[in-house]
Amino acid sequence: MKYRLYLDEVGNSDLGASRDPNHRYLSLTGIIMELNYVRDVAVPAIEKLKQKFFDAHPDEPIIFHRKELVNKKWPFEALRNPATEEAFNQELLSLIKRLDFVVLTAVIDKQEHLQRYKVWRYDPYHYCLEVLVERFVLWLKRRDAAGDVLAESRGKQEDSRLKTEFEKIYMKGSSGLVASRVQARLTSKELKVRPKATNIAGLQLADLIAHPSFVATKARRHGDPLPNNFGGQIAAILEADKYDRDPRSCIDGWGRKWLP
């Protein structure tokens, strides 16, 4: 069985903007799914939901994007009807709950990162990527399985730097894993990068849960409850059943990691 880690981020990696409260954090979320399951179950289920509420057609695929859904922008203007929005939200929650996937999230406080490291300053996105790759490799090892990683495109220059960083982890290992352990579980030294417009179900699902997971991770870090909104309902599902966790069901350090 081969698994894939689909990645999506919230925020940006610009350390210069870290003093702005709206840009203080970067969060990277990955979802792990088995590739046959993606083809046979996840893709049909997601496309069925699109067709039911937005009359999607294979020739003109609709791409789930959280910001456009929240703002009810085209092609999601049907959500401007409160009854339709409520029905869609309930079906989306049901879909997230029943799909079989595992969540990994890393959040970095860029302001604290700047203050703690005066000379060595790891690129925040690359830092989060290393943390998620380590946890993905360890997850694969526990299942005696293999897999690869697919990220959403962020631009030509950013994609090139990210691919270089991923290859470095594969070839030289990370701060937590020697190279041989990484190579034993990852099937390729190449990070796959695709735009969300290619209608990849895993990237869309990662997009839908990335922000709720970020908010939940920050809330738990500060000892706060989950928000009382739709994102909070998604986060509750993730905490109940989706985050990776240790044998005692502890999520922190496994399915969620706070940095630095």
C-alpha atoms as a PDB file:
ATOM      1  CA  MET A   1       0.000   0.000   0.000  1.00  0.00           C
ATOM      2  CA  LYS A   2       1.277   3.442  -0.912  1.00  0.00           C
ATOM      3  CA  TYR A   3       0.300   6.585   0.946  1.00  0.00           C
ATOM      4  CA  ARG A   4       0.527  10.241   0.025  1.00  0.00           C
ATOM      5  CA  LEU A   5       0.905  13.298   2.234  1.00  0.00           C
ATOM      6  CA  TYR A   6      -1.020  16.262   0.774  1.00  0.00           C
ATOM      7  CA  LEU A   7       0.125  19.678   2.031  1.00  0.00           C
ATOM      8  CA  ASP A   8      -1.561  23.049   2.419  1.00  0.00           C
ATOM      9  CA  GLU A   9      -0.465  26.147   4.338  1.00  0.00           C
ATOM     10  CA  VAL A  10      -2.099  28.998   6.237  1.00  0.00           C
ATOM     11  CA  GLY A  11      -0.153  32.254   6.382  1.00  0.00           C
ATOM     12  CA  ASN A  12       3.192  33.004   4.773  1.00  0.00           C
ATOM     13  CA  SER A  13       6.868  32.407   5.498  1.00  0.00           C
ATOM     14  CA  ASP A  14       7.887  36.096   5.507  1.00  0.00           C
ATOM     15  CA  LEU A  15       9.802  36.653   8.736  1.00  0.00           C
ATOM     16  CA  GLY A  16       9.772  40.403   8.128  1.00  0.00           C
ATOM     17  CA  ALA A  17       6.004  40.486   8.597  1.00  0.00           C
ATOM     18  CA  SER A  18       6.028  38.521  11.852  1.00  0.00           C
ATOM     19  CA  ARG A  19       5.356  41.568  14.058  1.00  0.00           C
ATOM     20  CA  ASP A  20       2.006  42.061  12.341  1.00  0.00           C
ATOM     21  CA  PRO A  21      -0.546  40.081  14.412  1.00  0.00           C
ATOM     22  CA  ASN A  22      -2.256  39.007  11.193  1.00  0.00           C
ATOM     23  CA  HIS A  23       0.971  37.518   9.834  1.00  0.00           C
ATOM     24  CA  ARG A  24       2.661  36.255  12.991  1.00  0.00           C
ATOM     25  CA  TYR A  25       2.059  32.553  12.361  1.00  0.00           C
ATOM     26  CA  LEU A  26       2.608  30.062   9.576  1.00  0.00           C
ATOM     27  CA  SER A  27       0.811  26.750   9.680  1.00  0.00           C
ATOM     28  CA  LEU A  28       1.421  23.742   7.446  1.00  0.00           C
ATOM     29  CA  THR A  29      -1.107  20.917   7.452  1.00  0.00           C
ATOM     30  CA  GLY A  30      -0.776  17.556   5.773  1.00  0.00           C
ATOM     31  CA  ILE A  31      -3.331  14.811   5.307  1.00  0.00           C
ATOM     32  CA  ILE A  32      -2.256  11.213   4.753  1.00  0.00           C
ATOM     33  CA  MET A  33      -4.365   9.003   2.495  1.00  0.00           C
ATOM     34  CA  GLU A  34      -3.783   5.680   0.786  1.00  0.00           C
ATOM     35  CA  LEU A  35      -3.713   6.179  -2.985  1.00  0.00           C
ATOM     36  CA  ASN A  36      -6.169   3.442  -3.959  1.00  0.00           C
ATOM     37  CA  TYR A  37      -8.554   4.838  -1.365  1.00  0.00           C
ATOM     38  CA  VAL A  38      -8.158   8.300  -2.869  1.00  0.00           C
ATOM     39  CA  ARG A  39      -9.099   6.979  -6.302  1.00  0.00           C
ATOM     40  CA  ASP A  40     -11.917   4.659  -5.261  1.00  0.00           C
ATOM     41  CA  VAL A  41     -13.532   6.502  -2.358  1.00  0.00           C
ATOM     42  CA  ALA A  42     -12.347  10.054  -1.695  1.00  0.00           C
ATOM     43  CA  VAL A  43     -12.536  11.408  -5.246  1.00  0.00           C
ATOM     44  CA  PRO A  44     -16.057  10.053  -5.995  1.00  0.00           C
ATOM     45  CA  ALA A  45     -17.363  11.295  -2.629  1.00  0.00           C
ATOM     46  CA  ILE A  46     -15.961  14.800  -3.061  1.00  0.00           C
ATOM     47  CA  GLU A  47     -17.153  15.076  -6.660  1.00  0.00           C
ATOM     48  CA  LYS A  48     -20.625  13.864  -5.648  1.00  0.00           C
ATOM     49  CA  LEU A  49     -20.829  16.667  -3.087  1.00  0.00           C
ATOM     50  CA  LYS A  50     -19.818  19.251  -5.687  1.00  0.00           C
ATOM     51  CA  GLN A  51     -22.371  17.962  -8.172  1.00  0.00           C
ATOM     52  CA  LYS A  52     -25.193  17.929  -5.629  1.00  0.00           C
ATOM     53  CA  PHE A  53     -24.805  21.520  -4.475  1.00  0.00           C
ATOM     54  CA  PHE A  54     -23.017  23.304  -7.321  1.00  0.00           C
ATOM     55  CA  ASP A  55     -23.971  21.314 -10.452  1.00  0.00           C
ATOM     56  CA  ALA A  56     -20.345  20.471 -11.167  1.00  0.00           C
ATOM     57  CA  HIS A  57     -19.456  18.858 -14.505  1.00  0.00           C
ATOM     58  CA  PRO A  58     -16.287  16.869 -15.325  1.00  0.00           C
ATOM     59  CA  ASP A  59     -15.567  19.120 -18.327  1.00  0.00           C
ATOM     60  CA  GLU A  60     -15.501  22.185 -16.062  1.00  0.00           C
ATOM     61  CA  PRO A  61     -14.446  20.910 -12.637  1.00  0.00           C
ATOM     62  CA  ILE A  62     -15.192  22.926  -9.550  1.00  0.00           C
ATOM     63  CA  ILE A  63     -12.303  23.258  -7.128  1.00  0.00           C
ATOM     64  CA  PHE A  64     -13.079  23.422  -3.418  1.00  0.00           C
ATOM     65  CA  HIS A  65     -11.295  26.406  -1.911  1.00  0.00           C
ATOM     66  CA  ARG A  66     -12.074  27.413   1.643  1.00  0.00           C
ATOM     67  CA  LYS A  67     -11.893  31.189   1.164  1.00  0.00           C
ATOM     68  CA  GLU A  68     -14.247  31.128  -1.805  1.00  0.00           C
ATOM     69  CA  LEU A  69     -16.658  28.849   0.070  1.00  0.00           C
ATOM     70  CA  VAL A  70     -16.639  31.074   3.166  1.00  0.00           C
ATOM     71  CA  ASN A  71     -17.213  34.199   1.074  1.00  0.00           C
ATOM     72  CA  LYS A  72     -19.809  32.437  -1.105  1.00  0.00           C
ATOM     73  CA  LYS A  73     -18.062  33.552  -4.271  1.00  0.00           C
ATOM     74  CA  TRP A  74     -18.598  31.979  -7.686  1.00  0.00           C
ATOM     75  CA  PRO A  75     -19.012  29.072  -8.202  1.00  0.00           C
ATOM     76  CA  PHE A  76     -20.365  28.747  -4.658  1.00  0.00           C
ATOM     77  CA  GLU A  77     -23.029  31.467  -4.801  1.00  0.00           C
ATOM     78  CA  ALA A  78     -25.699  28.851  -4.013  1.00  0.00           C
ATOM     79  CA  LEU A  79     -24.452  29.087  -0.399  1.00  0.00           C
ATOM     80  CA  ARG A  80     -25.963  32.579  -0.156  1.00  0.00           C
ATOM     81  CA  ASN A  81     -29.216  30.760   0.551  1.00  0.00           C
ATOM     82  CA  PRO A  82     -29.080  30.008   4.317  1.00  0.00           C
ATOM     83  CA  ALA A  83     -30.894  26.681   3.961  1.00  0.00           C
ATOM     84  CA  THR A  84     -28.530  25.537   1.226  1.00  0.00           C
ATOM     85  CA  GLU A  85     -25.519  26.652   3.248  1.00  0.00           C
ATOM     86  CA  GLU A  86     -26.696  24.718   6.298  1.00  0.00           C
ATOM     87  CA  ALA A  87     -27.350  21.564   4.261  1.00  0.00           C
ATOM     88  CA  PHE A  88     -23.949  21.810   2.566  1.00  0.00           C
ATOM     89  CA  ASN A  89     -22.139  22.401   5.859  1.00  0.00           C
ATOM     90  CA  GLN A  90     -23.710  19.340   7.421  1.00  0.00           C
ATOM     91  CA  GLU A  91     -22.839  17.144   4.455  1.00  0.00           C
ATOM     92  CA  LEU A  92     -19.280  18.481   4.405  1.00  0.00           C
ATOM     93  CA  LEU A  93     -18.882  17.717   8.105  1.00  0.00           C
ATOM     94  CA  SER A  94     -20.243  14.223   7.492  1.00  0.00           C
ATOM     95  CA  LEU A  95     -17.807  13.738   4.609  1.00  0.00           C
ATOM     96  CA  ILE A  96     -14.801  14.867   6.665  1.00  0.00           C
ATOM     97  CA  LYS A  97     -15.874  12.568   9.474  1.00  0.00           C
ATOM     98  CA  ARG A  98     -16.284   9.437   7.371  1.00  0.00           C
ATOM     99  CA  LEU A  99     -13.301   9.780   5.032  1.00  0.00           C
ATOM    100  CA  ASP A 100     -10.257   7.809   6.132  1.00  0.00           C
ATOM    101  CA  PHE A 101      -7.269  10.142   6.527  1.00  0.00           C
ATOM    102  CA  VAL A 102      -4.690  11.191   9.121  1.00  0.00           C
ATOM    103  CA  VAL A 103      -3.819  14.808   9.919  1.00  0.00           C
ATOM    104  CA  LEU A 104      -0.450  16.366  10.746  1.00  0.00           C
ATOM    105  CA  THR A 105      -0.156  20.085  11.530  1.00  0.00           C
ATOM    106  CA  ALA A 106       2.852  22.224  12.393  1.00  0.00           C
ATOM    107  CA  VAL A 107       2.487  25.866  13.477  1.00  0.00           C
ATOM    108  CA  ILE A 108       5.421  28.245  13.834  1.00  0.00           C
ATOM    109  CA  ASP A 109       5.346  31.494  15.778  1.00  0.00           C
ATOM    110  CA  LYS A 110       7.556  33.541  13.466  1.00  0.00           C
ATOM    111  CA  GLN A 111       8.009  36.336  15.995  1.00  0.00           C
ATOM    112  CA  GLU A 112       9.326  33.932  18.623  1.00  0.00           C
ATOM    113  CA  HIS A 113      11.479  32.277  15.955  1.00  0.00           C
ATOM    114  CA  LEU A 114      13.106  35.643  15.191  1.00  0.00           C
ATOM    115  CA  GLN A 115      13.695  36.423  18.858  1.00  0.00           C
ATOM    116  CA  ARG A 116      15.118  33.011  19.727  1.00  0.00           C
ATOM    117  CA  TYR A 117      17.486  32.600  16.797  1.00  0.00           C
ATOM    118  CA  LYS A 118      19.579  35.685  16.112  1.00  0.00           C
ATOM    119  CA  VAL A 119      21.865  34.060  13.540  1.00  0.00           C
ATOM    120  CA  TRP A 120      20.368  30.709  12.472  1.00  0.00           C
ATOM    121  CA  ARG A 121      16.947  31.345  10.986  1.00  0.00           C
ATOM    122  CA  TYR A 122      15.419  28.398   9.206  1.00  0.00           C
ATOM    123  CA  ASP A 123      12.873  29.342   6.543  1.00  0.00           C
ATOM    124  CA  PRO A 124       9.549  28.905   8.399  1.00  0.00           C
ATOM    125  CA  TYR A 125       7.916  26.934   5.595  1.00  0.00           C
ATOM    126  CA  HIS A 126      10.926  24.640   5.268  1.00  0.00           C
ATOM    127  CA  TYR A 127      11.001  24.203   9.065  1.00  0.00           C
ATOM    128  CA  CYS A 128       7.357  23.105   9.078  1.00  0.00           C
ATOM    129  CA  LEU A 129       7.963  20.858   6.070  1.00  0.00           C
ATOM    130  CA  GLU A 130      10.801  19.059   7.852  1.00  0.00           C
ATOM    131  CA  VAL A 131       8.620  18.481  10.905  1.00  0.00           C
ATOM    132  CA  LEU A 132       5.777  17.045   8.839  1.00  0.00           C
ATOM    133  CA  VAL A 133       8.055  14.852   6.717  1.00  0.00           C
ATOM    134  CA  GLU A 134       9.624  13.414   9.884  1.00  0.00           C
ATOM    135  CA  ARG A 135       6.223  12.552  11.306  1.00  0.00           C
ATOM    136  CA  PHE A 136       5.026  11.136   8.000  1.00  0.00           C
ATOM    137  CA  VAL A 137       8.100   8.872   7.777  1.00  0.00           C
ATOM    138  CA  LEU A 138       7.591   7.661  11.352  1.00  0.00           C
ATOM    139  CA  TRP A 139       3.884   7.063  10.638  1.00  0.00           C
ATOM    140  CA  LEU A 140       4.825   5.003   7.573  1.00  0.00           C
ATOM    141  CA  LYS A 141       7.360   3.013   9.569  1.00  0.00           C
ATOM    142  CA  ARG A 142       4.740   2.054  12.159  1.00  0.00           C
ATOM    143  CA  ARG A 143       2.676   0.602   9.321  1.00  0.00           C
ATOM    144  CA  ASP A 144       5.583  -0.876   7.359  1.00  0.00           C
ATOM    145  CA  ALA A 145       4.436   1.204   4.387  1.00  0.00           C
ATOM    146  CA  ALA A 146       5.835   3.690   1.878  1.00  0.00           C
ATOM    147  CA  GLY A 147       4.673   6.980   0.450  1.00  0.00           C
ATOM    148  CA  ASP A 148       5.397  10.319  -1.170  1.00  0.00           C
ATOM    149  CA  VAL A 149       4.530  13.989  -0.660  1.00  0.00           C
ATOM    150  CA  LEU A 150       2.434  16.361  -2.781  1.00  0.00           C
ATOM    151  CA  ALA A 151       2.253  20.102  -2.104  1.00  0.00           C
ATOM    152  CA  GLU A 152       0.205  22.869  -3.612  1.00  0.00           C
ATOM    153  CA  SER A 153       2.174  25.121  -5.946  1.00  0.00           C
ATOM    154  CA  ARG A 154       3.180  28.475  -4.421  1.00  0.00           C
ATOM    155  CA  GLY A 155       4.964  30.001  -7.406  1.00  0.00           C
ATOM    156  CA  LYS A 156       7.921  29.015  -9.567  1.00  0.00           C
ATOM    157  CA  GLN A 157      10.672  30.319  -7.273  1.00  0.00           C
ATOM    158  CA  GLU A 158       9.049  29.085  -4.056  1.00  0.00           C
ATOM    159  CA  ASP A 159       8.370  25.661  -5.588  1.00  0.00           C
ATOM    160  CA  SER A 160      11.989  25.317  -6.698  1.00  0.00           C
ATOM    161  CA  ARG A 161      13.306  26.166  -3.223  1.00  0.00           C
ATOM    162  CA  LEU A 162      10.834  23.786  -1.597  1.00  0.00           C
ATOM    163  CA  LYS A 163      11.807  20.931  -3.904  1.00  0.00           C
ATOM    164  CA  THR A 164      15.460  21.551  -3.100  1.00  0.00           C
ATOM    165  CA  GLU A 165      14.721  21.467   0.624  1.00  0.00           C
ATOM    166  CA  PHE A 166      12.735  18.255   0.295  1.00  0.00           C
ATOM    167  CA  GLU A 167      15.526  16.582  -1.678  1.00  0.00           C
ATOM    168  CA  LYS A 168      17.998  17.655   1.002  1.00  0.00           C
ATOM    169  CA  ILE A 169      15.886  15.976   3.684  1.00  0.00           C
ATOM    170  CA  TYR A 170      15.702  12.836   1.550  1.00  0.00           C
ATOM    171  CA  MET A 171      19.430  12.718   0.788  1.00  0.00           C
ATOM    172  CA  LYS A 172      20.870  13.933   4.104  1.00  0.00           C
ATOM    173  CA  GLY A 173      18.128  13.283   6.636  1.00  0.00           C
ATOM    174  CA  SER A 174      16.697  15.781   9.105  1.00  0.00           C
ATOM    175  CA  SER A 175      17.442  16.923  12.634  1.00  0.00           C
ATOM    176  CA  GLY A 176      15.384  13.999  13.904  1.00  0.00           C
ATOM    177  CA  LEU A 177      15.952  11.249  11.334  1.00  0.00           C
ATOM    178  CA  VAL A 178      19.005   9.899   9.541  1.00  0.00           C
ATOM    179  CA  ALA A 179      18.810   9.716   5.748  1.00  0.00           C
ATOM    180  CA  SER A 180      18.521   5.930   5.613  1.00  0.00           C
ATOM    181  CA  ARG A 181      15.304   6.014   7.651  1.00  0.00           C
ATOM    182  CA  VAL A 182      13.824   8.659   5.372  1.00  0.00           C
ATOM    183  CA  GLN A 183      14.836   6.810   2.207  1.00  0.00           C
ATOM    184  CA  ALA A 184      13.426   3.531   3.530  1.00  0.00           C
ATOM    185  CA  ARG A 185       9.916   5.006   3.593  1.00  0.00           C
ATOM    186  CA  LEU A 186       9.726   7.714   0.938  1.00  0.00           C
ATOM    187  CA  THR A 187       9.467   6.415  -2.607  1.00  0.00           C
ATOM    188  CA  SER A 188      11.049   9.442  -4.254  1.00  0.00           C
ATOM    189  CA  LYS A 189      13.496  12.233  -3.492  1.00  0.00           C
ATOM    190  CA  GLU A 190      11.281  14.538  -5.549  1.00  0.00           C
ATOM    191  CA  LEU A 191       8.539  16.590  -3.954  1.00  0.00           C
ATOM    192  CA  LYS A 192       5.474  16.572  -6.188  1.00  0.00           C
ATOM    193  CA  VAL A 193       3.992  20.044  -6.690  1.00  0.00           C
ATOM    194  CA  ARG A 194       0.654  20.724  -8.385  1.00  0.00           C
ATOM    195  CA  PRO A 195      -1.641  23.744  -8.678  1.00  0.00           C
ATOM    196  CA  LYS A 196      -4.992  23.328  -6.955  1.00  0.00           C
ATOM    197  CA  ALA A 197      -6.683  23.940 -10.331  1.00  0.00           C
ATOM    198  CA  THR A 198      -5.686  20.392 -11.321  1.00  0.00           C
ATOM    199  CA  ASN A 199      -8.600  19.200  -9.170  1.00  0.00           C
ATOM    200  CA  ILE A 200      -6.605  16.999  -6.812  1.00  0.00           C
ATOM    201  CA  ALA A 201      -8.946  15.774  -4.097  1.00  0.00           C
ATOM    202  CA  GLY A 202      -6.250  15.470  -1.431  1.00  0.00           C
ATOM    203  CA  LEU A 203      -5.115  19.068  -1.868  1.00  0.00           C
ATOM    204  CA  GLN A 204      -8.693  20.305  -1.683  1.00  0.00           C
ATOM    205  CA  LEU A 205      -9.395  18.341   1.475  1.00  0.00           C
ATOM    206  CA  ALA A 206      -6.173  19.694   3.002  1.00  0.00           C
ATOM    207  CA  ASP A 207      -7.298  23.208   2.085  1.00  0.00           C
ATOM    208  CA  LEU A 208     -10.654  22.712   3.798  1.00  0.00           C
ATOM    209  CA  ILE A 209      -9.155  21.594   7.101  1.00  0.00           C
ATOM    210  CA  ALA A 210      -5.893  23.588   7.190  1.00  0.00           C
ATOM    211  CA  HIS A 211      -7.339  26.768   8.683  1.00  0.00           C
ATOM    212  CA  PRO A 212      -9.522  25.021  11.292  1.00  0.00           C
ATOM    213  CA  SER A 213      -6.496  22.928  12.290  1.00  0.00           C
ATOM    214  CA  PHE A 214      -4.325  26.027  12.611  1.00  0.00           C
ATOM    215  CA  VAL A 215      -6.915  27.794  14.783  1.00  0.00           C
ATOM    216  CA  ALA A 216      -7.347  24.678  16.935  1.00  0.00           C
ATOM    217  CA  THR A 217      -3.588  24.238  17.377  1.00  0.00           C
ATOM    218  CA  LYS A 218      -3.187  27.857  18.454  1.00  0.00           C
ATOM    219  CA  ALA A 219      -6.188  27.635  20.796  1.00  0.00           C
ATOM    220  CA  ARG A 220      -4.886  24.501  22.514  1.00  0.00           C
ATOM    221  CA  ARG A 221      -1.420  26.037  22.804  1.00  0.00           C
ATOM    222  CA  HIS A 222      -2.916  28.942  24.743  1.00  0.00           C
ATOM    223  CA  GLY A 223      -5.284  26.791  26.791  1.00  0.00           C
ATOM    224  CA  ASP A 224      -8.402  28.024  25.011  1.00  0.00           C
ATOM    225  CA  PRO A 225     -11.453  26.023  23.896  1.00  0.00           C
ATOM    226  CA  LEU A 226     -12.191  25.346  20.258  1.00  0.00           C
ATOM    227  CA  PRO A 227     -14.081  28.215  18.574  1.00  0.00           C
ATOM    228  CA  ASN A 228     -17.859  28.001  18.561  1.00  0.00           C
ATOM    229  CA  ASN A 229     -18.265  28.124  14.779  1.00  0.00           C
ATOM    230  CA  PHE A 230     -18.131  25.890  11.709  1.00  0.00           C
ATOM    231  CA  GLY A 231     -14.348  25.755  11.781  1.00  0.00           C
ATOM    232  CA  GLY A 232     -14.559  24.677  15.401  1.00  0.00           C
ATOM    233  CA  GLN A 233     -16.838  21.815  14.390  1.00  0.00           C
ATOM    234  CA  ILE A 234     -14.268  20.679  11.834  1.00  0.00           C
ATOM    235  CA  ALA A 235     -11.536  20.940  14.466  1.00  0.00           C
ATOM    236  CA  ALA A 236     -13.588  18.821  16.871  1.00  0.00           C
ATOM    237  CA  ILE A 237     -13.761  16.054  14.251  1.00  0.00           C
ATOM    238  CA  LEU A 238     -10.004  16.261  13.750  1.00  0.00           C
ATOM    239  CA  GLU A 239      -9.356  15.998  17.488  1.00  0.00           C
ATOM    240  CA  ALA A 240     -11.781  13.121  17.907  1.00  0.00           C
ATOM    241  CA  ASP A 241     -10.589  10.924  15.085  1.00  0.00           C
ATOM    242  CA  LYS A 242      -8.116  12.356  12.561  1.00  0.00           C
ATOM    243  CA  TYR A 243      -4.925  13.670  14.169  1.00  0.00           C
ATOM    244  CA  ASP A 244      -2.059  11.250  14.521  1.00  0.00           C
ATOM    245  CA  ARG A 245      -1.473  10.449  18.201  1.00  0.00           C
ATOM    246  CA  ASP A 246       0.644   8.349  20.504  1.00  0.00           C
ATOM    247  CA  PRO A 247      -0.563   5.055  22.054  1.00  0.00           C
ATOM    248  CA  ARG A 248      -2.082   7.055  24.937  1.00  0.00           C
ATOM    249  CA  SER A 249      -4.063   9.182  22.440  1.00  0.00           C
ATOM    250  CA  CYS A 250      -1.913  12.270  23.005  1.00  0.00           C
ATOM    251  CA  ILE A 251      -2.065  14.500  19.909  1.00  0.00           C
ATOM    252  CA  ASP A 252       0.521  17.157  20.789  1.00  0.00           C
ATOM    253  CA  GLY A 253       3.951  16.304  19.452  1.00  0.00           C
ATOM    254  CA  TRP A 254       2.434  13.733  17.089  1.00  0.00           C
ATOM    255  CA  GLY A 255      -0.470  15.087  15.045  1.00  0.00           C
ATOM    256  CA  ARG A 256       0.206  18.683  16.132  1.00  0.00           C
ATOM    257  CA  LYS A 257       3.529  20.399  16.651  1.00  0.00           C
ATOM    258  CA  TRP A 258       4.177  23.938  17.893  1.00  0.00           C
ATOM    259  CA  LEU A 259       7.368  25.642  16.749  1.00  0.00           C
ATOM    260  CA  PRO A 260       9.980  26.806  17.534  1.00  0.00           C
END
